[in-house]
């Protein structure tokens, strides 16, 4: 999910940059600059949104993962005791 969020924001930034390039080619320099600003912001925001979404996902799944690791460790401990 964090990857999809970052890709979506990065793609939106790319759309703005494409609009900026087309505006520049069409001779609309002011529109090109106006569209370039959210394009660069979208590219930069994609990295930070990935980290934010990843950290939220880790916090959400941490209790379930810890419980699963504890159960696996207990099973391994019981298997070791059966072997010895």
PDB file of N, CA and C in Angstrom:
ATOM      1  N   UNK A   1       0.813  -1.203   0.000  1.00  0.00           N
ATOM      2  CA  UNK A   1       0.000   0.000   0.000  1.00  0.00           C
ATOM      3  C   UNK A   1       0.859   1.271   0.000  1.00  0.00           C
ATOM      4  N   UNK A   2       1.927   1.318   0.810  1.00  0.00           N
ATOM      5  CA  UNK A   2       2.771   2.531   0.759  1.00  0.00           C
ATOM      6  C   UNK A   2       3.362   2.784  -0.630  1.00  0.00           C
ATOM      7  N   UNK A   3       3.709   1.718  -1.319  1.00  0.00           N
ATOM      8  CA  UNK A   3       4.265   1.877  -2.659  1.00  0.00           C
ATOM      9  C   UNK A   3       3.220   2.445  -3.613  1.00  0.00           C
ATOM     10  N   UNK A   4       1.993   1.958  -3.491  1.00  0.00           N
ATOM     11  CA  UNK A   4       0.938   2.450  -4.373  1.00  0.00           C
ATOM     12  C   UNK A   4       0.641   3.927  -4.112  1.00  0.00           C
ATOM     13  N   UNK A   5       0.668   4.333  -2.863  1.00  0.00           N
ATOM     14  CA  UNK A   5       0.439   5.745  -2.522  1.00  0.00           C
ATOM     15  C   UNK A   5       1.544   6.609  -3.122  1.00  0.00           C
ATOM     16  N   UNK A   6       2.791   6.173  -2.931  1.00  0.00           N
ATOM     17  CA  UNK A   6       3.925   6.944  -3.457  1.00  0.00           C
ATOM     18  C   UNK A   6       3.899   6.999  -4.982  1.00  0.00           C
ATOM     19  N   UNK A   7       3.559   5.882  -5.611  1.00  0.00           N
ATOM     20  CA  UNK A   7       3.486   5.876  -7.076  1.00  0.00           C
ATOM     21  C   UNK A   7       2.379   6.789  -7.582  1.00  0.00           C
ATOM     22  N   UNK A   8       1.264   6.796  -6.897  1.00  0.00           N
ATOM     23  CA  UNK A   8       0.161   7.673  -7.302  1.00  0.00           C
ATOM     24  C   UNK A   8       0.542   9.140  -7.209  1.00  0.00           C
ATOM     25  N   UNK A   9       1.179   9.518  -6.110  1.00  0.00           N
ATOM     26  CA  UNK A   9       1.594  10.918  -5.942  1.00  0.00           C
ATOM     27  C   UNK A   9       2.684  11.276  -6.947  1.00  0.00           C
ATOM     28  N   UNK A  10       3.625  10.358  -7.153  1.00  0.00           N
ATOM     29  CA  UNK A  10       4.686  10.605  -8.136  1.00  0.00           C
ATOM     30  C   UNK A  10       4.141  10.716  -9.551  1.00  0.00           C
ATOM     31  N   UNK A  11       3.149   9.891  -9.864  1.00  0.00           N
ATOM     32  CA  UNK A  11       2.529   9.952 -11.185  1.00  0.00           C
ATOM     33  C   UNK A  11       1.779  11.266 -11.373  1.00  0.00           C
ATOM     34  N   UNK A  12       1.109  11.722 -10.339  1.00  0.00           N
ATOM     35  CA  UNK A  12       0.425  13.007 -10.415  1.00  0.00           C
ATOM     36  C   UNK A  12       1.437  14.145 -10.651  1.00  0.00           C
ATOM     37  N   UNK A  13       2.588  14.074  -9.972  1.00  0.00           N
ATOM     38  CA  UNK A  13       3.647  15.058 -10.213  1.00  0.00           C
ATOM     39  C   UNK A  13       4.152  15.001 -11.642  1.00  0.00           C
ATOM     40  N   UNK A  14       4.242  13.795 -12.178  1.00  0.00           N
ATOM     41  CA  UNK A  14       4.693  13.632 -13.560  1.00  0.00           C
ATOM     42  C   UNK A  14       3.683  14.218 -14.544  1.00  0.00           C
ATOM     43  N   UNK A  15       2.406  14.078 -14.245  1.00  0.00           N
ATOM     44  CA  UNK A  15       1.373  14.669 -15.105  1.00  0.00           C
ATOM     45  C   UNK A  15       1.519  16.192 -15.134  1.00  0.00           C
ATOM     46  N   UNK A  16       1.752  16.787 -13.961  1.00  0.00           N
ATOM     47  CA  UNK A  16       1.956  18.239 -13.928  1.00  0.00           C
ATOM     48  C   UNK A  16       3.211  18.637 -14.703  1.00  0.00           C
ATOM     49  N   UNK A  17       4.274  17.845 -14.589  1.00  0.00           N
ATOM     50  CA  UNK A  17       5.498  18.171 -15.327  1.00  0.00           C
ATOM     51  C   UNK A  17       5.287  18.028 -16.836  1.00  0.00           C
ATOM     52  N   UNK A  18       4.521  17.030 -17.244  1.00  0.00           N
ATOM     53  CA  UNK A  18       4.231  16.880 -18.669  1.00  0.00           C
ATOM     54  C   UNK A  18       3.433  18.092 -19.161  1.00  0.00           C
ATOM     55  N   UNK A  19       2.463  18.521 -18.367  1.00  0.00           N
ATOM     56  CA  UNK A  19       1.711  19.730 -18.730  1.00  0.00           C
ATOM     57  C   UNK A  19       2.612  20.945 -18.812  1.00  0.00           C
ATOM     58  N   UNK A  20       3.583  20.999 -17.913  1.00  0.00           N
ATOM     59  CA  UNK A  20       4.527  22.107 -17.924  1.00  0.00           C
ATOM     60  C   UNK A  20       5.370  22.107 -19.199  1.00  0.00           C
ATOM     61  N   UNK A  21       5.816  20.937 -19.589  1.00  0.00           N
ATOM     62  CA  UNK A  21       6.631  20.830 -20.811  1.00  0.00           C
ATOM     63  C   UNK A  21       5.801  21.210 -22.034  1.00  0.00           C
ATOM     64  N   UNK A  22       4.573  20.699 -22.099  1.00  0.00           N
ATOM     65  CA  UNK A  22       3.729  21.033 -23.242  1.00  0.00           C
ATOM     66  C   UNK A  22       3.394  22.527 -23.275  1.00  0.00           C
ATOM     67  N   UNK A  23       3.200  23.118 -22.102  1.00  0.00           N
ATOM     68  CA  UNK A  23       2.942  24.554 -22.054  1.00  0.00           C
ATOM     69  C   UNK A  23       4.168  25.330 -22.522  1.00  0.00           C
ATOM     70  N   UNK A  24       5.354  24.875 -22.144  1.00  0.00           N
ATOM     71  CA  UNK A  24       6.588  25.552 -22.565  1.00  0.00           C
ATOM     72  C   UNK A  24       6.763  25.443 -24.083  1.00  0.00           C
ATOM     73  N   UNK A  25       6.510  24.255 -24.599  1.00  0.00           N
ATOM     74  CA  UNK A  25       6.627  24.063 -26.050  1.00  0.00           C
ATOM     75  C   UNK A  25       5.609  24.931 -26.784  1.00  0.00           C
ATOM     76  N   UNK A  26       4.447  25.104 -26.191  1.00  0.00           N
ATOM     77  CA  UNK A  26       3.405  25.932 -26.805  1.00  0.00           C
ATOM     78  C   UNK A  26       3.645  27.419 -26.632  1.00  0.00           C
ATOM     79  N   UNK A  27       4.708  27.795 -25.930  1.00  0.00           N
ATOM     80  CA  UNK A  27       5.040  29.204 -25.781  1.00  0.00           C
ATOM     81  C   UNK A  27       4.368  29.873 -24.593  1.00  0.00           C
ATOM     82  N   UNK A  28       3.827  29.122 -23.689  1.00  0.00           N
ATOM     83  CA  UNK A  28       3.166  29.677 -22.503  1.00  0.00           C
ATOM     84  C   UNK A  28       4.092  29.508 -21.295  1.00  0.00           C
ATOM     85  N   UNK A  29       5.058  30.395 -21.186  1.00  0.00           N
ATOM     86  CA  UNK A  29       6.087  30.265 -20.156  1.00  0.00           C
ATOM     87  C   UNK A  29       5.511  30.379 -18.748  1.00  0.00           C
ATOM     88  N   UNK A  30       4.613  31.305 -18.517  1.00  0.00           N
ATOM     89  CA  UNK A  30       4.042  31.480 -17.180  1.00  0.00           C
ATOM     90  C   UNK A  30       3.253  30.247 -16.757  1.00  0.00           C
ATOM     91  N   UNK A  31       2.453  29.688 -17.651  1.00  0.00           N
ATOM     92  CA  UNK A  31       1.711  28.462 -17.347  1.00  0.00           C
ATOM     93  C   UNK A  31       2.665  27.301 -17.103  1.00  0.00           C
ATOM     94  N   UNK A  32       3.753  27.266 -17.844  1.00  0.00           N
ATOM     95  CA  UNK A  32       4.763  26.231 -17.663  1.00  0.00           C
ATOM     96  C   UNK A  32       5.345  26.280 -16.255  1.00  0.00           C
ATOM     97  N   UNK A  33       5.669  27.464 -15.786  1.00  0.00           N
ATOM     98  CA  UNK A  33       6.221  27.620 -14.433  1.00  0.00           C
ATOM     99  C   UNK A  33       5.180  27.246 -13.387  1.00  0.00           C
ATOM    100  N   UNK A  34       3.948  27.652 -13.605  1.00  0.00           N
ATOM    101  CA  UNK A  34       2.869  27.351 -12.651  1.00  0.00           C
ATOM    102  C   UNK A  34       2.642  25.839 -12.547  1.00  0.00           C
ATOM    103  N   UNK A  35       2.715  25.144 -13.663  1.00  0.00           N
ATOM    104  CA  UNK A  35       2.521  23.688 -13.641  1.00  0.00           C
ATOM    105  C   UNK A  35       3.761  22.947 -13.144  1.00  0.00           C
ATOM    106  N   UNK A  36       4.933  23.536 -13.283  1.00  0.00           N
ATOM    107  CA  UNK A  36       6.156  22.866 -12.838  1.00  0.00           C
ATOM    108  C   UNK A  36       6.253  22.804 -11.318  1.00  0.00           C
ATOM    109  N   UNK A  37       5.732  23.820 -10.644  1.00  0.00           N
ATOM    110  CA  UNK A  37       5.836  23.855  -9.178  1.00  0.00           C
ATOM    111  C   UNK A  37       5.134  22.651  -8.542  1.00  0.00           C
ATOM    112  N   UNK A  38       3.845  22.382  -8.836  1.00  0.00           N
ATOM    113  CA  UNK A  38       3.248  21.184  -8.229  1.00  0.00           C
ATOM    114  C   UNK A  38       3.863  19.884  -8.737  1.00  0.00           C
ATOM    115  N   UNK A  39       4.456  19.931  -9.924  1.00  0.00           N
ATOM    116  CA  UNK A  39       5.154  18.744 -10.427  1.00  0.00           C
ATOM    117  C   UNK A  39       6.343  18.389  -9.559  1.00  0.00           C
ATOM    118  N   UNK A  40       7.167  19.373  -9.263  1.00  0.00           N
ATOM    119  CA  UNK A  40       8.320  19.117  -8.389  1.00  0.00           C
ATOM    120  C   UNK A  40       7.875  18.758  -6.975  1.00  0.00           C
ATOM    121  N   UNK A  41       6.839  19.413  -6.500  1.00  0.00           N
ATOM    122  CA  UNK A  41       6.321  19.099  -5.163  1.00  0.00           C
ATOM    123  C   UNK A  41       5.809  17.657  -5.131  1.00  0.00           C
ATOM    124  N   UNK A  42       5.115  17.234  -6.171  1.00  0.00           N
ATOM    125  CA  UNK A  42       4.616  15.858  -6.244  1.00  0.00           C
ATOM    126  C   UNK A  42       5.735  14.844  -6.246  1.00  0.00           C
ATOM    127  N   UNK A  43       6.810  15.131  -6.965  1.00  0.00           N
ATOM    128  CA  UNK A  43       7.943  14.215  -6.977  1.00  0.00           C
ATOM    129  C   UNK A  43       8.591  14.115  -5.599  1.00  0.00           C
ATOM    130  N   UNK A  44       8.764  15.234  -4.959  1.00  0.00           N
ATOM    131  CA  UNK A  44       9.381  15.207  -3.634  1.00  0.00           C
ATOM    132  C   UNK A  44       8.462  14.617  -2.581  1.00  0.00           C
ATOM    133  N   UNK A  45       7.179  14.898  -2.698  1.00  0.00           N
ATOM    134  CA  UNK A  45       6.212  14.413  -1.722  1.00  0.00           C
ATOM    135  C   UNK A  45       6.036  12.901  -1.801  1.00  0.00           C
ATOM    136  N   UNK A  46       6.299  12.314  -2.940  1.00  0.00           N
ATOM    137  CA  UNK A  46       6.155  10.864  -3.096  1.00  0.00           C
ATOM    138  C   UNK A  46       7.078  10.125  -2.133  1.00  0.00           C
ATOM    139  N   UNK A  47       8.299  10.583  -1.986  1.00  0.00           N
ATOM    140  CA  UNK A  47       9.248   9.936  -1.072  1.00  0.00           C
ATOM    141  C   UNK A  47       8.768  10.015   0.371  1.00  0.00           C
ATOM    142  N   UNK A  48       8.350  11.199   0.773  1.00  0.00           N
ATOM    143  CA  UNK A  48       7.926  11.377   2.157  1.00  0.00           C
ATOM    144  C   UNK A  48       6.611  10.656   2.439  1.00  0.00           C
ATOM    145  N   UNK A  49       5.719  10.618   1.456  1.00  0.00           N
ATOM    146  CA  UNK A  49       4.452   9.908   1.659  1.00  0.00           C
ATOM    147  C   UNK A  49       4.690   8.403   1.777  1.00  0.00           C
ATOM    148  N   UNK A  50       5.683   7.880   1.052  1.00  0.00           N
ATOM    149  CA  UNK A  50       6.012   6.459   1.180  1.00  0.00           C
ATOM    150  C   UNK A  50       6.467   6.150   2.597  1.00  0.00           C
ATOM    151  N   UNK A  51       7.376   6.964   3.117  1.00  0.00           N
ATOM    152  CA  UNK A  51       7.878   6.718   4.471  1.00  0.00           C
ATOM    153  C   UNK A  51       6.768   6.850   5.506  1.00  0.00           C
ATOM    154  N   UNK A  52       5.908   7.837   5.345  1.00  0.00           N
ATOM    155  CA  UNK A  52       4.810   8.027   6.288  1.00  0.00           C
ATOM    156  C   UNK A  52       3.841   6.846   6.239  1.00  0.00           C
ATOM    157  N   UNK A  53       3.455   6.424   5.044  1.00  0.00           N
ATOM    158  CA  UNK A  53       2.528   5.299   4.907  1.00  0.00           C
ATOM    159  C   UNK A  53       3.158   4.002   5.402  1.00  0.00           C
ATOM    160  N   UNK A  54       4.462   3.828   5.156  1.00  0.00           N
ATOM    161  CA  UNK A  54       5.150   2.619   5.619  1.00  0.00           C
ATOM    162  C   UNK A  54       5.173   2.561   7.139  1.00  0.00           C
ATOM    163  N   UNK A  55       5.481   3.678   7.781  1.00  0.00           N
ATOM    164  CA  UNK A  55       5.518   3.705   9.238  1.00  0.00           C
ATOM    165  C   UNK A  55       4.136   3.461   9.839  1.00  0.00           C
ATOM    166  N   UNK A  56       3.107   4.023   9.234  1.00  0.00           N
ATOM    167  CA  UNK A  56       1.735   3.777   9.713  1.00  0.00           C
ATOM    168  C   UNK A  56       1.365   2.309   9.554  1.00  0.00           C
ATOM    169  N   UNK A  57       1.760   1.716   8.443  1.00  0.00           N
ATOM    170  CA  UNK A  57       1.454   0.302   8.201  1.00  0.00           C
ATOM    171  C   UNK A  57       2.187  -0.588   9.200  1.00  0.00           C
ATOM    172  N   UNK A  58       3.428  -0.258   9.500  1.00  0.00           N
ATOM    173  CA  UNK A  58       4.202  -1.031  10.476  1.00  0.00           C
ATOM    174  C   UNK A  58       3.550  -0.937  11.850  1.00  0.00           C
ATOM    175  N   UNK A  59       3.141   0.257  12.247  1.00  0.00           N
ATOM    176  CA  UNK A  59       2.493   0.421  13.549  1.00  0.00           C
ATOM    177  C   UNK A  59       1.177  -0.346  13.608  1.00  0.00           C
ATOM    178  N   UNK A  60       0.469  -0.406  12.503  1.00  0.00           N
ATOM    179  CA  UNK A  60      -0.808  -1.108  12.472  1.00  0.00           C
ATOM    180  C   UNK A  60      -0.607  -2.621  12.566  1.00  0.00           C
ATOM    181  N   UNK A  61       0.426  -3.143  11.926  1.00  0.00           N
ATOM    182  CA  UNK A  61       0.643  -4.584  11.862  1.00  0.00           C
ATOM    183  C   UNK A  61       1.573  -5.117  12.952  1.00  0.00           C
ATOM    184  N   UNK A  62       2.228  -4.248  13.695  1.00  0.00           N
ATOM    185  CA  UNK A  62       3.219  -4.686  14.687  1.00  0.00           C
ATOM    186  C   UNK A  62       2.644  -5.649  15.718  1.00  0.00           C
ATOM    187  N   UNK A  63       1.488  -5.392  16.309  1.00  0.00           N
ATOM    188  CA  UNK A  63       0.974  -6.345  17.303  1.00  0.00           C
ATOM    189  C   UNK A  63       0.713  -7.737  16.715  1.00  0.00           C
ATOM    190  N   UNK A  64       0.161  -7.795  15.518  1.00  0.00           N
ATOM    191  CA  UNK A  64      -0.111  -9.091  14.889  1.00  0.00           C
ATOM    192  C   UNK A  64       1.180  -9.818  14.557  1.00  0.00           C
ATOM    193  N   UNK A  65       2.165  -9.093  14.089  1.00  0.00           N
ATOM    194  CA  UNK A  65       3.452  -9.718  13.774  1.00  0.00           C
ATOM    195  C   UNK A  65       4.146 -10.219  15.033  1.00  0.00           C
ATOM    196  N   UNK A  66       4.102  -9.444  16.080  1.00  0.00           N
ATOM    197  CA  UNK A  66       4.721  -9.860  17.330  1.00  0.00           C
ATOM    198  C   UNK A  66       4.043 -11.113  17.865  1.00  0.00           C
ATOM    199  N   UNK A  67       2.731 -11.157  17.786  1.00  0.00           N
ATOM    200  CA  UNK A  67       1.993 -12.333  18.245  1.00  0.00           C
ATOM    201  C   UNK A  67       2.365 -13.563  17.405  1.00  0.00           C
ATOM    202  N   UNK A  68       2.495 -13.389  16.113  1.00  0.00           N
ATOM    203  CA  UNK A  68       2.866 -14.500  15.233  1.00  0.00           C
ATOM    204  C   UNK A  68       4.275 -14.973  15.526  1.00  0.00           C
ATOM    205  N   UNK A  69       5.217 -14.041  15.730  1.00  0.00           N
ATOM    206  CA  UNK A  69       6.592 -14.424  16.056  1.00  0.00           C
ATOM    207  C   UNK A  69       6.655 -15.149  17.395  1.00  0.00           C
ATOM    208  N   UNK A  70       5.880 -14.683  18.359  1.00  0.00           N
ATOM    209  CA  UNK A  70       5.863 -15.339  19.664  1.00  0.00           C
ATOM    210  C   UNK A  70       5.303 -16.756  19.550  1.00  0.00           C
ATOM    211  N   UNK A  71       4.254 -16.931  18.770  1.00  0.00           N
ATOM    212  CA  UNK A  71       3.679 -18.262  18.576  1.00  0.00           C
ATOM    213  C   UNK A  71       4.673 -19.180  17.874  1.00  0.00           C
ATOM    214  N   UNK A  72       5.374 -18.660  16.873  1.00  0.00           N
ATOM    215  CA  UNK A  72       6.376 -19.463  16.164  1.00  0.00           C
ATOM    216  C   UNK A  72       7.523 -19.828  17.087  1.00  0.00           C
ATOM    217  N   UNK A  73       7.957 -18.908  17.928  1.00  0.00           N
ATOM    218  CA  UNK A  73       9.033 -19.200  18.865  1.00  0.00           C
ATOM    219  C   UNK A  73       8.610 -20.264  19.874  1.00  0.00           C
ATOM    220  N   UNK A  74       7.373 -20.188  20.326  1.00  0.00           N
ATOM    221  CA  UNK A  74       6.859 -21.192  21.268  1.00  0.00           C
ATOM    222  C   UNK A  74       6.781 -22.565  20.609  1.00  0.00           C
ATOM    223  N   UNK A  75       6.341 -22.611  19.359  1.00  0.00           N
ATOM    224  CA  UNK A  75       6.289 -23.885  18.640  1.00  0.00           C
ATOM    225  C   UNK A  75       7.679 -24.470  18.447  1.00  0.00           C
ATOM    226  N   UNK A  76       8.636 -23.634  18.114  1.00  0.00           N
ATOM    227  CA  UNK A  76      10.012 -24.105  17.949  1.00  0.00           C
ATOM    228  C   UNK A  76      10.583 -24.612  19.271  1.00  0.00           C
ATOM    229  N   UNK A  77      10.257 -23.931  20.326  1.00  0.00           N
ATOM    230  CA  UNK A  77      10.721 -24.340  21.655  1.00  0.00           C
ATOM    231  C   UNK A  77      10.143 -25.708  22.016  1.00  0.00           C
ATOM    232  N   UNK A  78       8.858 -25.911  21.756  1.00  0.00           N
ATOM    233  CA  UNK A  78       8.228 -27.202  22.037  1.00  0.00           C
ATOM    234  C   UNK A  78       8.811 -28.297  21.161  1.00  0.00           C
ATOM    235  N   UNK A  79       9.091 -28.009  19.899  1.00  0.00           N
ATOM    236  CA  UNK A  79       9.695 -28.996  19.005  1.00  0.00           C
ATOM    237  C   UNK A  79      11.100 -29.375  19.475  1.00  0.00           C
ATOM    238  N   UNK A  80      11.847 -28.386  19.937  1.00  0.00           N
ATOM    239  CA  UNK A  80      13.193 -28.665  20.440  1.00  0.00           C
ATOM    240  C   UNK A  80      13.127 -29.559  21.674  1.00  0.00           C
ATOM    241  N   UNK A  81      12.165 -29.289  22.565  1.00  0.00           N
ATOM    242  CA  UNK A  81      12.025 -30.104  23.770  1.00  0.00           C
ATOM    243  C   UNK A  81      11.613 -31.533  23.436  1.00  0.00           C
ATOM    244  N   UNK A  82      10.804 -31.718  22.405  1.00  0.00           N
ATOM    245  CA  UNK A  82      10.415 -33.062  21.998  1.00  0.00           C
ATOM    246  C   UNK A  82      11.593 -33.844  21.427  1.00  0.00           C
ATOM    247  N   UNK A  83      12.487 -33.140  20.764  1.00  0.00           N
ATOM    248  CA  UNK A  83      13.653 -33.818  20.157  1.00  0.00           C
ATOM    249  C   UNK A  83      14.678 -34.204  21.208  1.00  0.00           C
ATOM    250  N   UNK A  84      14.704 -33.519  22.329  1.00  0.00           N
ATOM    251  CA  UNK A  84      15.740 -33.802  23.329  1.00  0.00           C
ATOM    252  C   UNK A  84      15.143 -34.295  24.562  1.00  0.00           C
TER     253      UNK A  84
END
